[in-house]
Amino acid sequence: MIVVKQAELTSAGQLRRYSWEHLEDERGFLTDEAIDPEEDPLKITPTEEFQRVWAQ
């Protein structure tokens, strides 16, 4: 799996978004490595929910 959009919600409630249009900033970056679902626990987010969060 390759990440093309990444949304992170910090413990303080701050939303960070990364994509090919915004690869990195002083707080983080879009992962540059493939994700292995067997090694990296993933939480599936429905498309509609991800798009709603992404648009904030």
N, C-alpha and C. Protein backbone atom coordinates (compact mmCIF):
# COMPACT_ATOMS: atom_id res chain seq x y z
N MET A 1 0.84 -1.17 0.00
CA MET A 1 0.00 0.00 0.00
C MET A 1 0.89 1.24 0.00
N ILE A 2 0.55 2.18 -0.84
CA ILE A 2 1.27 3.45 -0.93
C ILE A 2 0.33 4.57 -0.49
N VAL A 3 0.81 5.43 0.36
CA VAL A 3 0.00 6.55 0.86
C VAL A 3 0.06 7.71 -0.13
N VAL A 4 -1.11 8.24 -0.50
CA VAL A 4 -1.16 9.41 -1.37
C VAL A 4 -1.76 10.61 -0.65
N LYS A 5 -2.53 10.35 0.39
CA LYS A 5 -3.07 11.40 1.26
C LYS A 5 -3.01 10.87 2.68
N GLN A 6 -2.62 11.75 3.59
CA GLN A 6 -2.45 11.34 4.98
C GLN A 6 -3.01 12.44 5.87
N ALA A 7 -3.91 12.07 6.77
CA ALA A 7 -4.46 13.00 7.74
C ALA A 7 -4.12 12.48 9.13
N GLU A 8 -3.59 13.33 9.95
CA GLU A 8 -3.21 12.96 11.31
C GLU A 8 -3.93 13.89 12.28
N LEU A 9 -4.54 13.31 13.31
CA LEU A 9 -5.16 14.09 14.36
C LEU A 9 -4.32 13.91 15.61
N THR A 10 -3.73 15.01 16.08
CA THR A 10 -2.85 14.93 17.25
C THR A 10 -3.66 14.76 18.52
N SER A 11 -3.00 14.40 19.60
CA SER A 11 -3.69 14.25 20.89
C SER A 11 -4.27 15.58 21.37
N ALA A 12 -3.74 16.70 20.85
CA ALA A 12 -4.26 18.03 21.20
C ALA A 12 -5.42 18.43 20.29
N GLY A 13 -5.79 17.55 19.36
CA GLY A 13 -6.92 17.83 18.47
C GLY A 13 -6.55 18.62 17.23
N GLN A 14 -5.26 18.78 16.97
CA GLN A 14 -4.82 19.51 15.78
C GLN A 14 -4.77 18.57 14.58
N LEU A 15 -5.32 19.01 13.45
CA LEU A 15 -5.34 18.21 12.24
C LEU A 15 -4.16 18.59 11.35
N ARG A 16 -3.43 17.57 10.92
CA ARG A 16 -2.33 17.78 9.97
C ARG A 16 -2.62 16.97 8.73
N ARG A 17 -2.45 17.59 7.56
CA ARG A 17 -2.73 16.92 6.28
C ARG A 17 -1.51 16.98 5.39
N TYR A 18 -1.23 15.86 4.73
CA TYR A 18 -0.11 15.78 3.80
C TYR A 18 -0.56 15.05 2.54
N SER A 19 -0.05 15.49 1.40
CA SER A 19 -0.33 14.87 0.11
C SER A 19 0.78 15.29 -0.84
N TRP A 20 0.66 14.90 -2.11
CA TRP A 20 1.66 15.30 -3.10
C TRP A 20 1.70 16.82 -3.26
N GLU A 21 0.62 17.51 -2.90
CA GLU A 21 0.59 18.97 -2.98
C GLU A 21 1.24 19.64 -1.77
N HIS A 22 1.34 18.92 -0.67
CA HIS A 22 1.93 19.44 0.58
C HIS A 22 2.66 18.27 1.24
N LEU A 23 3.89 18.03 0.80
CA LEU A 23 4.64 16.86 1.24
C LEU A 23 5.11 16.92 2.69
N GLU A 24 5.50 18.12 3.13
CA GLU A 24 6.02 18.21 4.49
C GLU A 24 5.95 19.64 5.01
N ASP A 25 6.08 19.74 6.32
CA ASP A 25 6.20 21.04 6.98
C ASP A 25 7.06 20.83 8.22
N GLU A 26 7.12 21.81 9.08
CA GLU A 26 8.00 21.72 10.25
C GLU A 26 7.51 20.70 11.29
N ARG A 27 6.27 20.20 11.15
CA ARG A 27 5.72 19.27 12.13
C ARG A 27 5.65 17.82 11.65
N GLY A 28 5.80 17.59 10.35
CA GLY A 28 5.70 16.22 9.86
C GLY A 28 5.78 16.14 8.36
N PHE A 29 5.47 14.96 7.83
CA PHE A 29 5.58 14.75 6.39
C PHE A 29 4.75 13.55 5.95
N LEU A 30 4.48 13.50 4.65
CA LEU A 30 3.81 12.36 4.04
C LEU A 30 4.78 11.18 4.07
N THR A 31 4.32 10.07 4.57
CA THR A 31 5.21 8.91 4.63
C THR A 31 5.76 8.59 3.25
N ASP A 32 7.01 8.19 3.21
CA ASP A 32 7.64 7.89 1.92
C ASP A 32 7.93 6.40 1.76
N GLU A 33 7.34 5.60 2.64
CA GLU A 33 7.53 4.16 2.56
C GLU A 33 6.18 3.47 2.44
N ALA A 34 6.19 2.33 1.77
CA ALA A 34 4.98 1.54 1.64
C ALA A 34 4.53 1.05 3.01
N ILE A 35 3.22 0.84 3.16
CA ILE A 35 2.66 0.35 4.41
C ILE A 35 2.33 -1.13 4.23
N ASP A 36 2.75 -1.92 5.19
CA ASP A 36 2.43 -3.34 5.20
C ASP A 36 1.34 -3.54 6.25
N PRO A 37 0.10 -3.83 5.84
CA PRO A 37 -0.99 -3.96 6.81
C PRO A 37 -0.75 -5.02 7.88
N GLU A 38 0.09 -6.00 7.59
CA GLU A 38 0.38 -7.03 8.58
C GLU A 38 1.35 -6.53 9.65
N GLU A 39 2.16 -5.55 9.32
CA GLU A 39 3.12 -5.00 10.27
C GLU A 39 2.63 -3.70 10.91
N ASP A 40 1.86 -2.92 10.17
CA ASP A 40 1.37 -1.63 10.64
C ASP A 40 -0.13 -1.73 10.87
N PRO A 41 -0.57 -1.66 12.14
CA PRO A 41 -2.02 -1.74 12.39
C PRO A 41 -2.72 -0.53 11.76
N LEU A 42 -3.71 -0.80 10.94
CA LEU A 42 -4.45 0.25 10.26
C LEU A 42 -5.89 0.28 10.73
N LYS A 43 -6.42 1.47 10.84
CA LYS A 43 -7.83 1.63 11.16
C LYS A 43 -8.50 2.11 9.87
N ILE A 44 -9.45 1.35 9.39
CA ILE A 44 -10.15 1.70 8.16
C ILE A 44 -11.10 2.86 8.45
N THR A 45 -10.99 3.91 7.65
CA THR A 45 -11.87 5.06 7.75
C THR A 45 -12.71 5.12 6.49
N PRO A 46 -14.04 5.16 6.63
CA PRO A 46 -14.87 5.25 5.43
C PRO A 46 -14.50 6.47 4.58
N THR A 47 -14.60 6.33 3.28
CA THR A 47 -14.21 7.38 2.34
C THR A 47 -14.89 8.70 2.67
N GLU A 48 -16.18 8.67 2.95
CA GLU A 48 -16.92 9.91 3.24
C GLU A 48 -16.37 10.62 4.46
N GLU A 49 -16.02 9.86 5.49
CA GLU A 49 -15.46 10.45 6.71
C GLU A 49 -14.09 11.05 6.45
N PHE A 50 -13.24 10.33 5.71
CA PHE A 50 -11.92 10.86 5.38
C PHE A 50 -12.04 12.15 4.58
N GLN A 51 -12.92 12.18 3.59
CA GLN A 51 -13.10 13.38 2.77
C GLN A 51 -13.61 14.55 3.61
N ARG A 52 -14.49 14.27 4.57
CA ARG A 52 -15.01 15.32 5.45
C ARG A 52 -13.87 15.91 6.30
N VAL A 53 -13.05 15.05 6.87
CA VAL A 53 -11.91 15.51 7.68
C VAL A 53 -10.91 16.26 6.80
N TRP A 54 -10.62 15.70 5.62
CA TRP A 54 -9.65 16.31 4.71
C TRP A 54 -10.07 17.72 4.31
N ALA A 55 -11.35 17.96 4.15
CA ALA A 55 -11.85 19.25 3.69
C ALA A 55 -11.89 20.32 4.78
N GLN A 56 -11.66 19.94 6.03
CA GLN A 56 -11.71 20.93 7.14
C GLN A 56 -10.65 21.98 6.99
